[in-house]
């Protein structure tokens, strides 16, 4: 599996690691390149941590967005209340 994101390429492939059995090779190339050889258990733990971290970030962003929208709609409501009153002629 390969994924290209902002000049960074991720390649994830199964590899034979000799006596240790199969391993997962994660190659990250871009400005700097990194190769990780993980056991299936390490790869699973890394994937799980990544998914949980992304989920937390999405929830946080969603909460911040909804707070911004509710704050914006409250100020719009206040503005609308004043806008509904016609100015008194003197």
PDB file of N, CA and C in Angstrom:
ATOM      1  N   UNK A   1       0.853  -1.166   0.000  1.00  0.00           N
ATOM      2  CA  UNK A   1       0.000   0.000   0.000  1.00  0.00           C
ATOM      3  C   UNK A   1       0.899   1.230   0.000  1.00  0.00           C
ATOM      4  N   UNK A   2       0.645   2.173  -0.908  1.00  0.00           N
ATOM      5  CA  UNK A   2       1.434   3.407  -0.953  1.00  0.00           C
ATOM      6  C   UNK A   2       0.475   4.590  -0.889  1.00  0.00           C
ATOM      7  N   UNK A   3       0.878   5.618  -0.162  1.00  0.00           N
ATOM      8  CA  UNK A   3       0.062   6.812  -0.003  1.00  0.00           C
ATOM      9  C   UNK A   3       0.965   8.016  -0.177  1.00  0.00           C
ATOM     10  N   UNK A   4       0.547   8.955  -1.040  1.00  0.00           N
ATOM     11  CA  UNK A   4       1.343  10.151  -1.286  1.00  0.00           C
ATOM     12  C   UNK A   4       0.636  11.344  -0.677  1.00  0.00           C
ATOM     13  N   UNK A   5       1.307  12.031   0.241  1.00  0.00           N
ATOM     14  CA  UNK A   5       0.729  13.176   0.921  1.00  0.00           C
ATOM     15  C   UNK A   5       1.777  14.262   1.056  1.00  0.00           C
ATOM     16  N   UNK A   6       1.554  15.416   0.441  1.00  0.00           N
ATOM     17  CA  UNK A   6       2.421  16.579   0.573  1.00  0.00           C
ATOM     18  C   UNK A   6       3.898  16.213   0.483  1.00  0.00           C
ATOM     19  N   UNK A   7       4.314  15.648  -0.619  1.00  0.00           N
ATOM     20  CA  UNK A   7       5.716  15.296  -0.868  1.00  0.00           C
ATOM     21  C   UNK A   7       6.257  14.238   0.081  1.00  0.00           C
ATOM     22  N   UNK A   8       5.404  13.548   0.791  1.00  0.00           N
ATOM     23  CA  UNK A   8       5.819  12.447   1.650  1.00  0.00           C
ATOM     24  C   UNK A   8       5.117  11.191   1.144  1.00  0.00           C
ATOM     25  N   UNK A   9       5.878  10.142   0.932  1.00  0.00           N
ATOM     26  CA  UNK A   9       5.313   8.896   0.419  1.00  0.00           C
ATOM     27  C   UNK A   9       5.434   7.823   1.493  1.00  0.00           C
ATOM     28  N   UNK A  10       4.339   7.150   1.781  1.00  0.00           N
ATOM     29  CA  UNK A  10       4.313   6.053   2.742  1.00  0.00           C
ATOM     30  C   UNK A  10       4.131   4.755   1.958  1.00  0.00           C
ATOM     31  N   UNK A  11       5.003   3.791   2.198  1.00  0.00           N
ATOM     32  CA  UNK A  11       4.869   2.482   1.582  1.00  0.00           C
ATOM     33  C   UNK A  11       4.878   1.438   2.685  1.00  0.00           C
ATOM     34  N   UNK A  12       3.869   0.591   2.696  1.00  0.00           N
ATOM     35  CA  UNK A  12       3.746  -0.450   3.725  1.00  0.00           C
ATOM     36  C   UNK A  12       3.674  -1.796   3.004  1.00  0.00           C
ATOM     37  N   UNK A  13       4.650  -2.674   3.307  1.00  0.00           N
ATOM     38  CA  UNK A  13       4.705  -3.967   2.635  1.00  0.00           C
ATOM     39  C   UNK A  13       5.064  -5.063   3.632  1.00  0.00           C
ATOM     40  N   UNK A  14       4.522  -6.270   3.412  1.00  0.00           N
ATOM     41  CA  UNK A  14       4.948  -7.405   4.239  1.00  0.00           C
ATOM     42  C   UNK A  14       6.317  -7.883   3.741  1.00  0.00           C
ATOM     43  N   UNK A  15       7.182  -8.274   4.645  1.00  0.00           N
ATOM     44  CA  UNK A  15       8.527  -8.748   4.308  1.00  0.00           C
ATOM     45  C   UNK A  15       8.811 -10.031   5.077  1.00  0.00           C
ATOM     46  N   UNK A  16       9.685 -10.839   4.532  1.00  0.00           N
ATOM     47  CA  UNK A  16      10.163 -12.012   5.245  1.00  0.00           C
ATOM     48  C   UNK A  16      11.377 -11.593   6.059  1.00  0.00           C
ATOM     49  N   UNK A  17      11.343 -11.867   7.353  1.00  0.00           N
ATOM     50  CA  UNK A  17      12.427 -11.449   8.250  1.00  0.00           C
ATOM     51  C   UNK A  17      13.249 -12.639   8.729  1.00  0.00           C
ATOM     52  N   UNK A  18      13.402 -13.628   7.893  1.00  0.00           N
ATOM     53  CA  UNK A  18      14.232 -14.782   8.241  1.00  0.00           C
ATOM     54  C   UNK A  18      13.613 -15.637   9.321  1.00  0.00           C
ATOM     55  N   UNK A  19      14.398 -15.941  10.346  1.00  0.00           N
ATOM     56  CA  UNK A  19      13.953 -16.817  11.422  1.00  0.00           C
ATOM     57  C   UNK A  19      12.813 -16.222  12.240  1.00  0.00           C
ATOM     58  N   UNK A  20      12.740 -14.897  12.244  1.00  0.00           N
ATOM     59  CA  UNK A  20      11.712 -14.208  13.033  1.00  0.00           C
ATOM     60  C   UNK A  20      10.326 -14.324  12.408  1.00  0.00           C
ATOM     61  N   UNK A  21      10.244 -14.781  11.169  1.00  0.00           N
ATOM     62  CA  UNK A  21       8.969 -14.885  10.478  1.00  0.00           C
ATOM     63  C   UNK A  21       8.719 -13.647   9.638  1.00  0.00           C
ATOM     64  N   UNK A  22       7.461 -13.369   9.406  1.00  0.00           N
ATOM     65  CA  UNK A  22       7.118 -12.204   8.597  1.00  0.00           C
ATOM     66  C   UNK A  22       7.148 -10.940   9.439  1.00  0.00           C
ATOM     67  N   UNK A  23       7.473  -9.839   8.787  1.00  0.00           N
ATOM     68  CA  UNK A  23       7.423  -8.538   9.445  1.00  0.00           C
ATOM     69  C   UNK A  23       6.781  -7.541   8.484  1.00  0.00           C
ATOM     70  N   UNK A  24       6.490  -6.397   8.996  1.00  0.00           N
ATOM     71  CA  UNK A  24       5.862  -5.339   8.215  1.00  0.00           C
ATOM     72  C   UNK A  24       6.887  -4.237   8.032  1.00  0.00           C
ATOM     73  N   UNK A  25       7.151  -3.880   6.781  1.00  0.00           N
ATOM     74  CA  UNK A  25       8.099  -2.805   6.511  1.00  0.00           C
ATOM     75  C   UNK A  25       7.320  -1.538   6.185  1.00  0.00           C
ATOM     76  N   UNK A  26       7.596  -0.494   6.953  1.00  0.00           N
ATOM     77  CA  UNK A  26       6.971   0.810   6.739  1.00  0.00           C
ATOM     78  C   UNK A  26       8.076   1.747   6.269  1.00  0.00           C
ATOM     79  N   UNK A  27       7.945   2.230   5.047  1.00  0.00           N
ATOM     80  CA  UNK A  27       8.958   3.135   4.498  1.00  0.00           C
ATOM     81  C   UNK A  27       8.308   4.507   4.308  1.00  0.00           C
ATOM     82  N   UNK A  28       8.956   5.508   4.875  1.00  0.00           N
ATOM     83  CA  UNK A  28       8.482   6.889   4.763  1.00  0.00           C
ATOM     84  C   UNK A  28       9.560   7.652   4.016  1.00  0.00           C
ATOM     85  N   UNK A  29       9.238   8.142   2.820  1.00  0.00           N
ATOM     86  CA  UNK A  29      10.218   8.888   2.051  1.00  0.00           C
ATOM     87  C   UNK A  29       9.715  10.286   1.787  1.00  0.00           C
ATOM     88  N   UNK A  30      10.623  11.185   1.769  1.00  0.00           N
ATOM     89  CA  UNK A  30      10.339  12.588   1.529  1.00  0.00           C
ATOM     90  C   UNK A  30      11.637  13.339   1.669  1.00  0.00           C
ATOM     91  N   UNK A  31      11.605  14.423   2.414  1.00  0.00           N
ATOM     92  CA  UNK A  31      12.824  15.181   2.653  1.00  0.00           C
ATOM     93  C   UNK A  31      13.863  14.290   3.349  1.00  0.00           C
ATOM     94  N   UNK A  32      13.398  13.474   4.275  1.00  0.00           N
ATOM     95  CA  UNK A  32      14.234  12.470   4.920  1.00  0.00           C
ATOM     96  C   UNK A  32      13.515  11.134   4.793  1.00  0.00           C
ATOM     97  N   UNK A  33      14.262  10.064   4.682  1.00  0.00           N
ATOM     98  CA  UNK A  33      13.653   8.741   4.542  1.00  0.00           C
ATOM     99  C   UNK A  33      13.868   7.916   5.802  1.00  0.00           C
ATOM    100  N   UNK A  34      12.851   7.123   6.136  1.00  0.00           N
ATOM    101  CA  UNK A  34      12.895   6.259   7.307  1.00  0.00           C
ATOM    102  C   UNK A  34      12.297   4.912   6.914  1.00  0.00           C
ATOM    103  N   UNK A  35      12.906   3.833   7.389  1.00  0.00           N
ATOM    104  CA  UNK A  35      12.364   2.497   7.173  1.00  0.00           C
ATOM    105  C   UNK A  35      12.201   1.839   8.543  1.00  0.00           C
ATOM    106  N   UNK A  36      10.989   1.382   8.830  1.00  0.00           N
ATOM    107  CA  UNK A  36      10.705   0.664  10.068  1.00  0.00           C
ATOM    108  C   UNK A  36      10.381  -0.780   9.718  1.00  0.00           C
ATOM    109  N   UNK A  37      10.989  -1.724  10.413  1.00  0.00           N
ATOM    110  CA  UNK A  37      10.633  -3.135  10.271  1.00  0.00           C
ATOM    111  C   UNK A  37       9.972  -3.549  11.583  1.00  0.00           C
ATOM    112  N   UNK A  38       8.696  -3.828  11.509  1.00  0.00           N
ATOM    113  CA  UNK A  38       7.911  -4.106  12.712  1.00  0.00           C
ATOM    114  C   UNK A  38       7.383  -5.529  12.690  1.00  0.00           C
ATOM    115  N   UNK A  39       7.255  -6.104  13.864  1.00  0.00           N
ATOM    116  CA  UNK A  39       6.562  -7.384  13.966  1.00  0.00           C
ATOM    117  C   UNK A  39       5.077  -7.102  13.732  1.00  0.00           C
ATOM    118  N   UNK A  40       4.308  -8.124  13.400  1.00  0.00           N
ATOM    119  CA  UNK A  40       2.872  -7.896  13.232  1.00  0.00           C
ATOM    120  C   UNK A  40       2.227  -7.265  14.478  1.00  0.00           C
ATOM    121  N   UNK A  41       2.670  -7.676  15.662  1.00  0.00           N
ATOM    122  CA  UNK A  41       2.117  -7.119  16.892  1.00  0.00           C
ATOM    123  C   UNK A  41       2.475  -5.632  17.026  1.00  0.00           C
ATOM    124  N   UNK A  42       3.723  -5.281  16.699  1.00  0.00           N
ATOM    125  CA  UNK A  42       4.133  -3.874  16.761  1.00  0.00           C
ATOM    126  C   UNK A  42       3.361  -3.047  15.739  1.00  0.00           C
ATOM    127  N   UNK A  43       3.203  -3.586  14.541  1.00  0.00           N
ATOM    128  CA  UNK A  43       2.471  -2.869  13.489  1.00  0.00           C
ATOM    129  C   UNK A  43       1.011  -2.661  13.901  1.00  0.00           C
ATOM    130  N   UNK A  44       0.405  -3.692  14.495  1.00  0.00           N
ATOM    131  CA  UNK A  44      -0.983  -3.597  14.954  1.00  0.00           C
ATOM    132  C   UNK A  44      -1.112  -2.551  16.053  1.00  0.00           C
ATOM    133  N   UNK A  45      -0.166  -2.542  17.010  1.00  0.00           N
ATOM    134  CA  UNK A  45      -0.192  -1.558  18.092  1.00  0.00           C
ATOM    135  C   UNK A  45      -0.013  -0.142  17.540  1.00  0.00           C
ATOM    136  N   UNK A  46       0.896   0.013  16.586  1.00  0.00           N
ATOM    137  CA  UNK A  46       1.122   1.320  15.978  1.00  0.00           C
ATOM    138  C   UNK A  46      -0.136   1.790  15.237  1.00  0.00           C
ATOM    139  N   UNK A  47      -0.749   0.898  14.482  1.00  0.00           N
ATOM    140  CA  UNK A  47      -1.967   1.243  13.750  1.00  0.00           C
ATOM    141  C   UNK A  47      -3.092   1.625  14.707  1.00  0.00           C
ATOM    142  N   UNK A  48      -3.235   0.871  15.787  1.00  0.00           N
ATOM    143  CA  UNK A  48      -4.268   1.159  16.774  1.00  0.00           C
ATOM    144  C   UNK A  48      -4.040   2.522  17.426  1.00  0.00           C
ATOM    145  N   UNK A  49      -2.787   2.797  17.816  1.00  0.00           N
ATOM    146  CA  UNK A  49      -2.467   4.102  18.410  1.00  0.00           C
ATOM    147  C   UNK A  49      -2.727   5.240  17.426  1.00  0.00           C
ATOM    148  N   UNK A  50      -2.369   5.024  16.179  1.00  0.00           N
ATOM    149  CA  UNK A  50      -2.596   6.042  15.150  1.00  0.00           C
ATOM    150  C   UNK A  50      -4.085   6.320  14.968  1.00  0.00           C
ATOM    151  N   UNK A  51      -4.878   5.265  14.894  1.00  0.00           N
ATOM    152  CA  UNK A  51      -6.325   5.424  14.733  1.00  0.00           C
ATOM    153  C   UNK A  51      -6.933   6.159  15.923  1.00  0.00           C
ATOM    154  N   UNK A  52      -6.532   5.775  17.147  1.00  0.00           N
ATOM    155  CA  UNK A  52      -7.060   6.437  18.343  1.00  0.00           C
ATOM    156  C   UNK A  52      -6.663   7.905  18.397  1.00  0.00           C
ATOM    157  N   UNK A  53      -5.422   8.204  18.020  1.00  0.00           N
ATOM    158  CA  UNK A  53      -4.953   9.586  18.034  1.00  0.00           C
ATOM    159  C   UNK A  53      -5.685  10.432  17.005  1.00  0.00           C
ATOM    160  N   UNK A  54      -5.891   9.880  15.818  1.00  0.00           N
ATOM    161  CA  UNK A  54      -6.636  10.600  14.776  1.00  0.00           C
ATOM    162  C   UNK A  54      -8.075  10.823  15.228  1.00  0.00           C
ATOM    163  N   UNK A  55      -8.698   9.817  15.836  1.00  0.00           N
ATOM    164  CA  UNK A  55     -10.064   9.940  16.332  1.00  0.00           C
ATOM    165  C   UNK A  55     -10.161  11.072  17.357  1.00  0.00           C
ATOM    166  N   UNK A  56      -9.216  11.103  18.314  1.00  0.00           N
ATOM    167  CA  UNK A  56      -9.225  12.169  19.327  1.00  0.00           C
ATOM    168  C   UNK A  56      -9.076  13.543  18.683  1.00  0.00           C
ATOM    169  N   UNK A  57      -8.191  13.648  17.702  1.00  0.00           N
ATOM    170  CA  UNK A  57      -7.989  14.928  17.018  1.00  0.00           C
ATOM    171  C   UNK A  57      -9.256  15.352  16.276  1.00  0.00           C
ATOM    172  N   UNK A  58      -9.935  14.403  15.626  1.00  0.00           N
ATOM    173  CA  UNK A  58     -11.169  14.721  14.903  1.00  0.00           C
ATOM    174  C   UNK A  58     -12.269  15.159  15.869  1.00  0.00           C
ATOM    175  N   UNK A  59     -12.389  14.475  17.004  1.00  0.00           N
ATOM    176  CA  UNK A  59     -13.399  14.853  17.999  1.00  0.00           C
ATOM    177  C   UNK A  59     -13.104  16.251  18.530  1.00  0.00           C
ATOM    178  N   UNK A  60     -11.851  16.519  18.843  1.00  0.00           N
ATOM    179  CA  UNK A  60     -11.463  17.839  19.347  1.00  0.00           C
ATOM    180  C   UNK A  60     -11.773  18.919  18.321  1.00  0.00           C
ATOM    181  N   UNK A  61     -11.412  18.683  17.061  1.00  0.00           N
ATOM    182  CA  UNK A  61     -11.696  19.657  16.004  1.00  0.00           C
ATOM    183  C   UNK A  61     -13.195  19.857  15.818  1.00  0.00           C
ATOM    184  N   UNK A  62     -13.952  18.781  15.911  1.00  0.00           N
ATOM    185  CA  UNK A  62     -15.399  18.869  15.774  1.00  0.00           C
ATOM    186  C   UNK A  62     -16.012  19.693  16.905  1.00  0.00           C
ATOM    187  N   UNK A  63     -15.542  19.448  18.130  1.00  0.00           N
ATOM    188  CA  UNK A  63     -16.047  20.212  19.275  1.00  0.00           C
ATOM    189  C   UNK A  63     -15.692  21.691  19.143  1.00  0.00           C
ATOM    190  N   UNK A  64     -14.466  21.984  18.724  1.00  0.00           N
ATOM    191  CA  UNK A  64     -14.057  23.376  18.548  1.00  0.00           C
ATOM    192  C   UNK A  64     -14.886  24.047  17.455  1.00  0.00           C
ATOM    193  N   UNK A  65     -15.155  23.327  16.367  1.00  0.00           N
ATOM    194  CA  UNK A  65     -15.964  23.881  15.277  1.00  0.00           C
ATOM    195  C   UNK A  65     -17.384  24.168  15.732  1.00  0.00           C
ATOM    196  N   UNK A  66     -17.966  23.226  16.493  1.00  0.00           N
ATOM    197  CA  UNK A  66     -19.340  23.429  16.954  1.00  0.00           C
ATOM    198  C   UNK A  66     -19.406  24.578  17.959  1.00  0.00           C
ATOM    199  N   UNK A  67     -18.362  24.740  18.781  1.00  0.00           N
ATOM    200  CA  UNK A  67     -18.333  25.869  19.716  1.00  0.00           C
ATOM    201  C   UNK A  67     -18.246  27.181  18.961  1.00  0.00           C
ATOM    202  N   UNK A  68     -17.426  27.211  17.909  1.00  0.00           N
ATOM    203  CA  UNK A  68     -17.312  28.430  17.101  1.00  0.00           C
ATOM    204  C   UNK A  68     -18.636  28.761  16.425  1.00  0.00           C
ATOM    205  N   UNK A  69     -19.302  27.717  15.905  1.00  0.00           N
ATOM    206  CA  UNK A  69     -20.591  27.945  15.236  1.00  0.00           C
ATOM    207  C   UNK A  69     -21.633  28.436  16.226  1.00  0.00           C
ATOM    208  N   UNK A  70     -21.675  27.830  17.430  1.00  0.00           N
ATOM    209  CA  UNK A  70     -22.681  28.237  18.409  1.00  0.00           C
ATOM    210  C   UNK A  70     -22.384  29.639  18.920  1.00  0.00           C
ATOM    211  N   UNK A  71     -21.118  30.000  19.085  1.00  0.00           N
ATOM    212  CA  UNK A  71     -20.762  31.351  19.501  1.00  0.00           C
ATOM    213  C   UNK A  71     -21.135  32.341  18.414  1.00  0.00           C
ATOM    214  N   UNK A  72     -20.871  31.975  17.166  1.00  0.00           N
ATOM    215  CA  UNK A  72     -21.228  32.840  16.043  1.00  0.00           C
ATOM    216  C   UNK A  72     -22.722  33.003  15.906  1.00  0.00           C
ATOM    217  N   UNK A  73     -23.489  31.933  16.098  1.00  0.00           N
ATOM    218  CA  UNK A  73     -24.942  32.033  15.958  1.00  0.00           C
ATOM    219  C   UNK A  73     -25.548  32.824  17.106  1.00  0.00           C
ATOM    220  N   UNK A  74     -24.948  32.754  18.317  1.00  0.00           N
ATOM    221  CA  UNK A  74     -25.456  33.542  19.437  1.00  0.00           C
ATOM    222  C   UNK A  74     -25.273  35.023  19.165  1.00  0.00           C
ATOM    223  N   UNK A  75     -24.112  35.409  18.646  1.00  0.00           N
ATOM    224  CA  UNK A  75     -23.883  36.824  18.368  1.00  0.00           C
ATOM    225  C   UNK A  75     -24.772  37.290  17.223  1.00  0.00           C
ATOM    226  N   UNK A  76     -25.036  36.409  16.245  1.00  0.00           N
ATOM    227  CA  UNK A  76     -25.951  36.758  15.156  1.00  0.00           C
ATOM    228  C   UNK A  76     -27.357  36.974  15.692  1.00  0.00           C
ATOM    229  N   UNK A  77     -27.774  36.161  16.668  1.00  0.00           N
ATOM    230  CA  UNK A  77     -29.102  36.286  17.255  1.00  0.00           C
ATOM    231  C   UNK A  77     -29.229  37.623  17.966  1.00  0.00           C
ATOM    232  N   UNK A  78     -28.220  38.015  18.707  1.00  0.00           N
ATOM    233  CA  UNK A  78     -28.245  39.301  19.392  1.00  0.00           C
ATOM    234  C   UNK A  78     -28.333  40.430  18.375  1.00  0.00           C
ATOM    235  N   UNK A  79     -27.560  40.332  17.308  1.00  0.00           N
ATOM    236  CA  UNK A  79     -27.589  41.351  16.255  1.00  0.00           C
ATOM    237  C   UNK A  79     -28.966  41.391  15.615  1.00  0.00           C
ATOM    238  N   UNK A  80     -29.565  40.218  15.366  1.00  0.00           N
ATOM    239  CA  UNK A  80     -30.883  40.161  14.754  1.00  0.00           C
ATOM    240  C   UNK A  80     -31.935  40.813  15.639  1.00  0.00           C
ATOM    241  N   UNK A  81     -31.853  40.640  16.964  1.00  0.00           N
ATOM    242  CA  UNK A  81     -32.829  41.243  17.866  1.00  0.00           C
ATOM    243  C   UNK A  81     -32.805  42.757  17.727  1.00  0.00           C
ATOM    244  N   UNK A  82     -31.620  43.318  17.673  1.00  0.00           N
ATOM    245  CA  UNK A  82     -31.514  44.768  17.556  1.00  0.00           C
ATOM    246  C   UNK A  82     -31.889  45.238  16.158  1.00  0.00           C
ATOM    247  N   UNK A  83     -31.614  44.434  15.164  1.00  0.00           N
ATOM    248  CA  UNK A  83     -31.923  44.803  13.791  1.00  0.00           C
ATOM    249  C   UNK A  83     -33.435  44.788  13.554  1.00  0.00           C
ATOM    250  N   UNK A  84     -34.172  43.994  14.337  1.00  0.00           N
ATOM    251  CA  UNK A  84     -35.620  43.882  14.129  1.00  0.00           C
ATOM    252  C   UNK A  84     -36.353  45.138  14.611  1.00  0.00           C
ATOM    253  N   UNK A  85     -35.759  45.902  15.536  1.00  0.00           N
ATOM    254  CA  UNK A  85     -36.412  47.097  16.020  1.00  0.00           C
ATOM    255  C   UNK A  85     -36.140  48.252  15.063  1.00  0.00           C
ATOM    256  N   UNK A  86     -37.188  48.930  14.676  1.00  0.00           N
ATOM    257  CA  UNK A  86     -36.961  50.066  13.787  1.00  0.00           C
ATOM    258  C   UNK A  86     -36.512  51.256  14.617  1.00  0.00           C
ATOM    259  N   UNK A  87     -35.662  52.082  14.057  1.00  0.00           N
ATOM    260  CA  UNK A  87     -35.186  53.242  14.813  1.00  0.00           C
ATOM    261  C   UNK A  87     -36.342  54.210  15.048  1.00  0.00           C
ATOM    262  N   UNK A  88     -36.339  54.869  16.197  1.00  0.00           N
ATOM    263  CA  UNK A  88     -37.390  55.824  16.508  1.00  0.00           C
ATOM    264  C   UNK A  88     -37.084  57.144  15.814  1.00  0.00           C
ATOM    265  N   UNK A  89     -38.115  57.689  15.223  1.00  0.00           N
ATOM    266  CA  UNK A  89     -37.927  58.975  14.549  1.00  0.00           C
ATOM    267  C   UNK A  89     -38.033  60.069  15.591  1.00  0.00           C
ATOM    268  N   UNK A  90     -37.163  61.022  15.531  1.00  0.00           N
ATOM    269  CA  UNK A  90     -37.181  62.106  16.502  1.00  0.00           C
ATOM    270  C   UNK A  90     -37.879  63.311  15.959  1.00  0.00           C
TER     271      UNK A  90
END
